[in-house]
N, C-alpha and C. Protein backbone atom coordinates (compact mmCIF):
# COMPACT_ATOMS: atom_id res chain seq x y z
N MET A 1 -11.07 9.15 11.21
CA MET A 1 -10.42 8.94 9.93
C MET A 1 -11.48 8.88 8.83
N ASN A 2 -11.09 9.38 7.70
CA ASN A 2 -11.99 9.46 6.56
C ASN A 2 -11.46 8.58 5.42
N ASN A 3 -12.22 7.59 4.98
CA ASN A 3 -11.81 6.69 3.90
C ASN A 3 -12.20 7.28 2.55
N GLU A 4 -11.34 7.07 1.57
CA GLU A 4 -11.62 7.61 0.24
C GLU A 4 -10.86 6.78 -0.80
N ILE A 5 -11.44 6.68 -1.99
CA ILE A 5 -10.77 6.02 -3.12
C ILE A 5 -10.13 7.10 -3.98
N LYS A 6 -8.85 6.93 -4.28
CA LYS A 6 -8.16 7.84 -5.19
C LYS A 6 -7.92 7.08 -6.50
N LEU A 7 -7.79 7.79 -7.58
CA LEU A 7 -7.49 7.18 -8.88
C LEU A 7 -6.08 7.55 -9.30
N PHE A 8 -5.33 6.55 -9.79
CA PHE A 8 -4.00 6.76 -10.33
C PHE A 8 -3.93 5.97 -11.64
N GLU A 9 -3.86 6.67 -12.73
CA GLU A 9 -3.81 6.06 -14.06
C GLU A 9 -4.88 4.98 -14.22
N GLY A 10 -6.09 5.28 -13.76
CA GLY A 10 -7.22 4.38 -13.91
C GLY A 10 -7.31 3.29 -12.85
N ASN A 11 -6.38 3.25 -11.92
CA ASN A 11 -6.39 2.24 -10.86
C ASN A 11 -6.92 2.86 -9.56
N GLN A 12 -7.73 2.11 -8.86
CA GLN A 12 -8.26 2.58 -7.58
C GLN A 12 -7.24 2.33 -6.48
N ILE A 13 -6.96 3.39 -5.70
CA ILE A 13 -6.03 3.31 -4.58
C ILE A 13 -6.82 3.67 -3.31
N ARG A 14 -6.88 2.72 -2.38
CA ARG A 14 -7.57 3.00 -1.12
C ARG A 14 -6.73 3.95 -0.27
N SER A 15 -7.39 4.90 0.37
CA SER A 15 -6.68 5.87 1.20
C SER A 15 -7.50 6.21 2.43
N ILE A 16 -6.80 6.66 3.44
CA ILE A 16 -7.43 7.07 4.70
C ILE A 16 -6.81 8.39 5.12
N TRP A 17 -7.63 9.37 5.48
CA TRP A 17 -7.16 10.65 6.00
C TRP A 17 -7.18 10.58 7.52
N ASP A 18 -6.05 10.88 8.15
CA ASP A 18 -5.95 10.91 9.61
C ASP A 18 -6.02 12.36 10.05
N ASN A 19 -7.13 12.72 10.70
CA ASN A 19 -7.33 14.10 11.13
C ASN A 19 -6.30 14.55 12.16
N GLU A 20 -5.91 13.67 13.07
CA GLU A 20 -4.95 14.04 14.11
C GLU A 20 -3.57 14.32 13.53
N GLN A 21 -3.10 13.45 12.62
CA GLN A 21 -1.77 13.62 12.01
C GLN A 21 -1.81 14.56 10.80
N GLU A 22 -3.03 14.82 10.30
CA GLU A 22 -3.24 15.65 9.12
C GLU A 22 -2.42 15.14 7.93
N GLU A 23 -2.59 13.83 7.64
CA GLU A 23 -1.91 13.24 6.49
C GLU A 23 -2.69 12.06 5.96
N TRP A 24 -2.44 11.74 4.69
CA TRP A 24 -3.08 10.62 4.03
C TRP A 24 -2.24 9.37 4.22
N TYR A 25 -2.91 8.23 4.31
CA TYR A 25 -2.27 6.91 4.30
C TYR A 25 -2.85 6.18 3.09
N PHE A 26 -1.99 5.52 2.33
CA PHE A 26 -2.41 4.84 1.12
C PHE A 26 -2.12 3.35 1.21
N SER A 27 -2.92 2.55 0.54
CA SER A 27 -2.73 1.11 0.50
C SER A 27 -1.51 0.77 -0.36
N VAL A 28 -0.49 0.20 0.27
CA VAL A 28 0.72 -0.19 -0.46
C VAL A 28 0.38 -1.24 -1.51
N VAL A 29 -0.48 -2.18 -1.17
CA VAL A 29 -0.85 -3.23 -2.12
C VAL A 29 -1.51 -2.62 -3.35
N ASP A 30 -2.38 -1.65 -3.17
CA ASP A 30 -3.02 -0.99 -4.32
C ASP A 30 -1.99 -0.25 -5.17
N ILE A 31 -1.04 0.41 -4.53
CA ILE A 31 0.00 1.14 -5.26
C ILE A 31 0.90 0.17 -6.03
N VAL A 32 1.29 -0.94 -5.39
CA VAL A 32 2.10 -1.95 -6.06
C VAL A 32 1.36 -2.48 -7.28
N GLY A 33 0.08 -2.74 -7.13
CA GLY A 33 -0.72 -3.22 -8.26
C GLY A 33 -0.77 -2.22 -9.40
N ALA A 34 -0.89 -0.94 -9.07
CA ALA A 34 -0.97 0.09 -10.10
C ALA A 34 0.37 0.27 -10.82
N LEU A 35 1.47 0.15 -10.10
CA LEU A 35 2.78 0.38 -10.69
C LEU A 35 3.35 -0.82 -11.43
N THR A 36 2.96 -2.03 -11.03
CA THR A 36 3.57 -3.23 -11.61
C THR A 36 2.64 -3.98 -12.56
N ASP A 37 1.37 -3.66 -12.56
CA ASP A 37 0.37 -4.41 -13.33
C ASP A 37 0.37 -5.89 -12.94
N SER A 38 0.76 -6.18 -11.70
CA SER A 38 0.77 -7.55 -11.19
C SER A 38 -0.65 -8.08 -11.08
N LYS A 39 -0.84 -9.36 -11.41
CA LYS A 39 -2.16 -9.97 -11.26
C LYS A 39 -2.47 -10.25 -9.79
N ASN A 40 -1.43 -10.34 -8.96
CA ASN A 40 -1.61 -10.57 -7.52
C ASN A 40 -0.67 -9.64 -6.76
N PRO A 41 -1.04 -8.35 -6.61
CA PRO A 41 -0.14 -7.40 -5.96
C PRO A 41 0.16 -7.72 -4.50
N ARG A 42 -0.76 -8.38 -3.81
CA ARG A 42 -0.51 -8.76 -2.41
C ARG A 42 0.66 -9.74 -2.33
N ASP A 43 0.67 -10.71 -3.25
CA ASP A 43 1.77 -11.69 -3.30
C ASP A 43 3.07 -11.01 -3.72
N TYR A 44 3.00 -10.10 -4.69
CA TYR A 44 4.17 -9.36 -5.15
C TYR A 44 4.79 -8.60 -3.98
N TRP A 45 3.97 -7.89 -3.21
CA TRP A 45 4.45 -7.11 -2.06
C TRP A 45 5.05 -8.03 -1.00
N TYR A 46 4.43 -9.18 -0.75
CA TYR A 46 4.95 -10.16 0.21
C TYR A 46 6.35 -10.61 -0.20
N ARG A 47 6.53 -10.91 -1.48
CA ARG A 47 7.83 -11.38 -1.96
C ARG A 47 8.90 -10.28 -1.87
N VAL A 48 8.53 -9.04 -2.15
CA VAL A 48 9.49 -7.93 -2.02
C VAL A 48 9.94 -7.81 -0.56
N LYS A 49 8.98 -7.83 0.37
CA LYS A 49 9.35 -7.73 1.80
C LYS A 49 10.22 -8.89 2.23
N LYS A 50 9.90 -10.10 1.74
CA LYS A 50 10.67 -11.29 2.10
C LYS A 50 12.11 -11.18 1.58
N ARG A 51 12.27 -10.77 0.32
CA ARG A 51 13.61 -10.60 -0.25
C ARG A 51 14.43 -9.57 0.53
N MET A 52 13.79 -8.48 0.89
CA MET A 52 14.50 -7.43 1.63
C MET A 52 14.94 -7.94 2.99
N THR A 53 14.12 -8.74 3.65
CA THR A 53 14.49 -9.31 4.94
C THR A 53 15.66 -10.27 4.78
N GLU A 54 15.62 -11.10 3.75
CA GLU A 54 16.70 -12.05 3.49
C GLU A 54 18.01 -11.34 3.18
N GLU A 55 17.94 -10.17 2.56
CA GLU A 55 19.13 -9.40 2.22
C GLU A 55 19.58 -8.52 3.38
N LYS A 56 18.89 -8.64 4.50
CA LYS A 56 19.17 -7.81 5.69
C LYS A 56 18.92 -6.33 5.42
N SER A 57 18.06 -6.05 4.47
CA SER A 57 17.64 -4.67 4.18
C SER A 57 16.36 -4.40 4.95
N GLN A 58 16.05 -3.15 5.13
CA GLN A 58 14.81 -2.79 5.81
C GLN A 58 14.03 -1.80 4.96
N LEU A 59 12.73 -1.88 5.08
CA LEU A 59 11.89 -0.87 4.47
C LEU A 59 12.04 0.40 5.31
N SER A 60 11.82 1.55 4.70
CA SER A 60 11.99 2.79 5.44
C SER A 60 10.94 2.97 6.53
N THR A 61 9.81 2.31 6.38
CA THR A 61 8.77 2.34 7.40
C THR A 61 8.19 0.94 7.56
N ILE A 62 7.54 0.73 8.67
CA ILE A 62 6.83 -0.54 8.87
C ILE A 62 5.51 -0.42 8.14
N CYS A 63 5.30 -1.25 7.15
CA CYS A 63 4.09 -1.18 6.33
C CYS A 63 3.18 -2.35 6.69
N ARG A 64 2.09 -2.06 7.32
CA ARG A 64 1.12 -3.08 7.65
C ARG A 64 -0.09 -2.93 6.74
N GLN A 65 -0.82 -4.00 6.61
CA GLN A 65 -1.99 -3.98 5.74
C GLN A 65 -3.11 -3.16 6.39
N LEU A 66 -3.66 -2.21 5.63
CA LEU A 66 -4.80 -1.44 6.09
C LEU A 66 -6.07 -2.20 5.79
N LYS A 67 -7.00 -2.16 6.70
CA LYS A 67 -8.29 -2.78 6.46
C LYS A 67 -9.29 -1.67 6.17
N CYS A 68 -9.65 -1.57 4.92
CA CYS A 68 -10.61 -0.53 4.49
C CYS A 68 -11.90 -1.21 4.08
N ASN A 69 -12.98 -0.66 4.50
CA ASN A 69 -14.28 -1.19 4.13
C ASN A 69 -14.92 -0.23 3.13
N PHE A 70 -14.71 -0.49 1.86
CA PHE A 70 -15.31 0.34 0.81
C PHE A 70 -16.33 -0.47 0.08
């Protein structure tokens, strides 16, 4: 896997390229931070997941935290 930083409207988004699957994986926390301007995007994402669970809704995919060393 190849780690890389992408830029979205001036915000850094951590990403990983998976050679076997031939697709990019992006940090959800970084994307949430870029889209919401939240001061604590990790907490924001936690609360969204918690609300969805309480409402018996599901995310379309299982989103786990990526550990990137940049």
